[in-house]
N, C-alpha and C. Protein backbone atom coordinates (compact mmCIF):
# COMPACT_ATOMS: atom_id res chain seq x y z
N MET A 1 0.70 -1.36 0.15
CA MET A 1 -0.03 0.13 -0.16
C MET A 1 0.90 1.26 -0.02
N PRO A 2 0.83 2.30 -0.68
CA PRO A 2 1.02 3.65 -0.54
C PRO A 2 1.29 4.10 0.43
N ARG A 3 2.98 5.23 0.85
CA ARG A 3 3.03 5.58 2.17
C ARG A 3 2.27 7.10 1.78
N ILE A 4 1.22 7.21 2.52
CA ILE A 4 1.18 8.88 2.53
C ILE A 4 0.86 9.71 3.70
N GLY A 5 1.68 11.18 3.50
CA GLY A 5 2.10 11.98 4.16
C GLY A 5 1.20 12.75 4.71
N ILE A 6 1.20 13.24 5.85
CA ILE A 6 -0.67 14.10 6.22
C ILE A 6 0.03 14.89 7.70
N GLU A 7 -0.51 16.42 7.39
CA GLU A 7 -0.31 17.06 7.90
C GLU A 7 -0.99 16.56 9.47
N GLY A 8 -0.78 17.33 10.71
CA GLY A 8 -1.43 16.20 11.82
C GLY A 8 -2.75 17.12 11.91
N THR A 9 -2.75 18.40 11.63
CA THR A 9 -4.42 19.04 11.95
C THR A 9 -5.06 18.40 10.74
N LEU A 10 -5.21 17.12 9.75
CA LEU A 10 -6.02 16.89 9.30
C LEU A 10 -6.84 15.68 9.89
N SER A 11 -6.72 15.82 11.16
CA SER A 11 -7.81 14.30 11.66
C SER A 11 -8.95 13.52 10.73
N ASP A 12 -9.24 14.45 10.69
CA ASP A 12 -10.84 14.01 10.09
C ASP A 12 -10.29 13.08 8.42
N ILE A 13 -9.27 13.80 7.69
CA ILE A 13 -8.71 12.87 6.83
C ILE A 13 -7.93 11.83 6.98
N LYS A 14 -7.28 11.90 8.10
CA LYS A 14 -6.27 10.97 8.09
C LYS A 14 -6.99 9.91 8.61
N GLY A 15 -8.33 9.77 9.82
CA GLY A 15 -9.41 9.02 9.80
C GLY A 15 -9.26 8.37 8.71
N ALA A 16 -9.62 8.46 7.54
CA ALA A 16 -10.10 8.24 6.40
C ALA A 16 -9.63 7.75 5.34
N LEU A 17 -8.41 7.96 5.56
CA LEU A 17 -7.23 7.54 4.73
C LEU A 17 -7.31 5.98 5.70
N GLN A 18 -6.89 6.08 6.79
CA GLN A 18 -6.58 5.01 7.60
C GLN A 18 -7.46 3.92 7.69
N GLU A 19 -8.45 4.30 7.35
CA GLU A 19 -9.71 3.23 7.03
C GLU A 19 -9.29 2.38 5.72
N ARG A 20 -8.97 3.01 4.54
CA ARG A 20 -8.85 2.45 3.35
C ARG A 20 -7.95 2.40 3.15
N GLY A 21 -6.84 1.71 3.91
CA GLY A 21 -5.97 1.03 4.54
C GLY A 21 -4.68 1.65 4.09
N TYR A 22 -4.41 2.60 4.13
CA TYR A 22 -3.17 3.55 3.29
C TYR A 22 -2.13 3.34 4.67
N GLU A 23 -1.06 3.39 4.36
CA GLU A 23 0.22 3.70 5.78
C GLU A 23 0.11 5.27 5.57
N LEU A 24 0.16 5.97 6.82
CA LEU A 24 -0.05 7.24 6.93
C LEU A 24 1.78 7.52 7.40
N VAL A 25 2.42 8.76 6.83
CA VAL A 25 3.22 8.78 7.95
C VAL A 25 2.91 10.76 8.59
N GLU A 26 3.26 11.05 9.52
CA GLU A 26 2.68 12.15 9.99
C GLU A 26 3.54 13.38 9.52
N LEU A 27 3.29 14.42 8.97
CA LEU A 27 4.54 15.15 8.54
C LEU A 27 4.94 16.59 9.45
N ARG A 28 5.69 16.32 10.13
CA ARG A 28 6.50 17.38 11.38
C ARG A 28 7.65 17.78 10.69
N GLN A 29 8.58 17.66 9.65
CA GLN A 29 9.64 18.20 9.28
C GLN A 29 9.84 17.81 8.12
N GLU A 30 10.55 18.69 7.35
CA GLU A 30 10.84 17.93 5.77
C GLU A 30 11.59 16.42 5.51
N GLN A 31 12.47 15.97 6.50
CA GLN A 31 12.46 14.52 6.24
C GLN A 31 11.56 13.35 6.02
N ASP A 32 10.51 14.16 6.90
CA ASP A 32 9.07 12.73 6.68
C ASP A 32 8.74 12.54 5.75
N ALA A 33 8.60 13.87 4.77
CA ALA A 33 8.22 13.30 3.54
C ALA A 33 8.69 12.55 2.38
N GLN A 34 10.08 12.42 2.60
CA GLN A 34 11.00 12.00 1.69
C GLN A 34 10.88 10.12 0.75
N ASN A 35 9.94 9.65 2.20
CA ASN A 35 9.68 8.27 1.58
C ASN A 35 8.29 8.03 1.33
N CYS A 36 7.40 8.54 0.95
CA CYS A 36 5.97 9.08 0.92
C CYS A 36 6.14 9.32 -0.55
N ASP A 37 4.42 7.98 -0.89
CA ASP A 37 4.43 8.17 -2.43
C ASP A 37 3.22 9.61 -2.32
N CYS A 38 2.91 9.93 -1.69
CA CYS A 38 1.92 11.53 -1.82
C CYS A 38 2.14 11.87 -0.55
N CYS A 39 1.57 13.76 -0.52
CA CYS A 39 1.39 13.87 0.62
C CYS A 39 0.25 14.80 0.64
N VAL A 40 -0.33 14.93 1.68
CA VAL A 40 -1.61 15.41 2.01
C VAL A 40 -1.38 16.73 3.27
N ILE A 41 -1.73 18.08 2.15
CA ILE A 41 -1.28 19.32 3.04
C ILE A 41 -2.47 20.42 3.59
N SER A 42 -2.63 20.97 4.51
CA SER A 42 -3.80 21.44 4.85
C SER A 42 -4.09 23.00 3.79
N GLY A 43 -2.57 23.44 3.30
CA GLY A 43 -3.27 24.29 2.64
C GLY A 43 -3.40 25.97 2.85
N GLN A 44 -3.11 25.56 4.54
CA GLN A 44 -2.99 26.75 5.17
C GLN A 44 -1.78 27.84 5.03
N ASP A 45 -0.48 26.96 4.73
CA ASP A 45 0.32 27.13 4.67
C ASP A 45 0.95 27.24 3.45
N LYS A 46 1.60 28.21 2.55
CA LYS A 46 2.35 27.73 1.26
C LYS A 46 3.69 26.97 1.76
N ASP A 47 4.51 27.89 2.24
CA ASP A 47 5.65 26.61 2.05
C ASP A 47 5.54 25.50 3.85
N VAL A 48 4.61 25.40 4.04
CA VAL A 48 4.57 24.25 4.54
C VAL A 48 5.83 23.36 5.43
N MET A 49 6.08 23.75 6.59
CA MET A 49 7.32 23.14 7.31
C MET A 49 8.36 23.52 7.08
N GLY A 50 8.63 24.95 6.45
CA GLY A 50 9.80 25.25 5.78
C GLY A 50 10.39 25.12 4.85
N MET A 51 9.09 24.02 3.74
CA MET A 51 9.42 22.99 2.73
C MET A 51 9.63 23.75 1.74
N SER A 52 10.40 24.45 1.32
CA SER A 52 10.15 25.43 -0.66
C SER A 52 10.73 24.61 -1.50
N ASN A 53 11.68 23.76 -1.56
CA ASN A 53 11.48 22.81 -2.71
C ASN A 53 11.07 21.53 -2.40
N ALA A 54 11.36 20.84 -3.73
CA ALA A 54 10.05 19.13 -3.47
C ALA A 54 10.66 18.17 -2.50
N ALA A 55 10.27 17.94 -1.75
CA ALA A 55 11.15 16.88 -1.09
C ALA A 55 10.59 15.53 -1.49
N ILE A 56 9.13 15.22 -2.14
CA ILE A 56 9.28 13.92 -2.43
C ILE A 56 9.17 14.05 -4.36
N GLN A 57 8.97 13.30 -4.80
CA GLN A 57 8.86 12.86 -6.11
C GLN A 57 7.43 12.53 -6.43
N GLY A 58 6.42 12.20 -5.22
CA GLY A 58 5.13 11.93 -5.91
C GLY A 58 3.87 13.20 -5.50
N SER A 59 2.71 13.05 -5.28
CA SER A 59 1.82 14.31 -5.84
C SER A 59 1.97 14.79 -3.89
N VAL A 60 1.27 15.79 -4.86
CA VAL A 60 0.87 16.43 -3.10
C VAL A 60 -0.15 17.28 -3.26
N ILE A 61 -1.14 16.77 -2.49
CA ILE A 61 -2.45 17.50 -2.51
C ILE A 61 -2.72 18.25 -1.76
N ASN A 62 -2.89 20.09 -1.82
CA ASN A 62 -4.14 20.54 -1.04
C ASN A 62 -5.43 20.27 -0.77
N ALA A 63 -5.35 20.00 0.87
CA ALA A 63 -6.68 19.60 0.98
C ALA A 63 -7.43 20.60 1.55
N HIS A 64 -7.21 22.22 1.34
CA HIS A 64 -8.00 23.43 1.76
C HIS A 64 -9.45 23.30 1.02
N GLY A 65 -9.82 23.05 1.95
CA GLY A 65 -11.77 23.60 0.94
C GLY A 65 -12.33 22.33 0.79
N MET A 66 -11.45 20.78 0.81
CA MET A 66 -12.34 19.61 0.33
C MET A 66 -12.73 18.76 1.52
N THR A 67 -13.77 17.97 1.45
CA THR A 67 -13.82 17.29 2.65
C THR A 67 -13.09 15.96 2.52
N ALA A 68 -13.01 15.06 3.65
CA ALA A 68 -12.82 14.02 3.50
C ALA A 68 -12.72 12.76 2.75
N ASP A 69 -13.70 12.67 2.30
CA ASP A 69 -13.86 11.90 1.54
C ASP A 69 -13.18 12.30 -0.34
N GLU A 70 -13.65 13.70 -0.31
CA GLU A 70 -12.90 14.34 -1.63
C GLU A 70 -11.54 13.89 -2.12
N VAL A 71 -10.74 13.90 -0.75
CA VAL A 71 -9.31 13.59 -0.65
C VAL A 71 -9.02 12.50 -0.88
N CYS A 72 -9.76 11.83 -0.31
CA CYS A 72 -9.45 10.02 -0.39
C CYS A 72 -10.00 9.79 -2.27
N GLU A 73 -10.87 10.63 -2.64
CA GLU A 73 -10.64 9.94 -3.91
C GLU A 73 -9.48 11.04 -4.33
N GLN A 74 -8.85 11.46 -4.67
CA GLN A 74 -8.06 12.16 -4.87
C GLN A 74 -7.01 11.21 -4.41
N VAL A 75 -6.48 10.85 -3.39
CA VAL A 75 -5.44 9.87 -3.24
C VAL A 75 -5.65 8.38 -4.05
N ASP A 76 -6.96 7.75 -3.80
CA ASP A 76 -7.11 6.72 -4.47
C ASP A 76 -7.24 6.59 -6.25
N SER A 77 -6.92 8.11 -6.99
CA SER A 77 -7.21 8.31 -8.03
C SER A 77 -5.65 8.13 -8.55
N ARG A 78 -4.48 8.24 -7.55
CA ARG A 78 -2.98 8.80 -7.78
C ARG A 78 -2.64 7.13 -7.72
N PHE A 79 -3.22 6.48 -7.55
CA PHE A 79 -2.61 4.78 -6.97
C PHE A 79 -3.72 3.79 -7.73
N GLN A 80 -4.34 4.42 -8.68
CA GLN A 80 -4.99 3.03 -9.25
C GLN A 80 -4.85 2.92 -10.91
């Protein structure tokens, strides 16, 4: 299963992704994103955790304004 990095403030989305069986990594610092296939960020801070350059090769999903189901659909679509 893909590893998904997620900001700690996104607890509802975190729960929904766990229910779908994704392996989650809480993003606390830039290094946390390095082995993730995809990251979900809140979008509240454009330069989240001081990451001004891309720390991962995978997708970054900005969850701002999205429901947990919408974010899960975005994640699912990247791995189908």
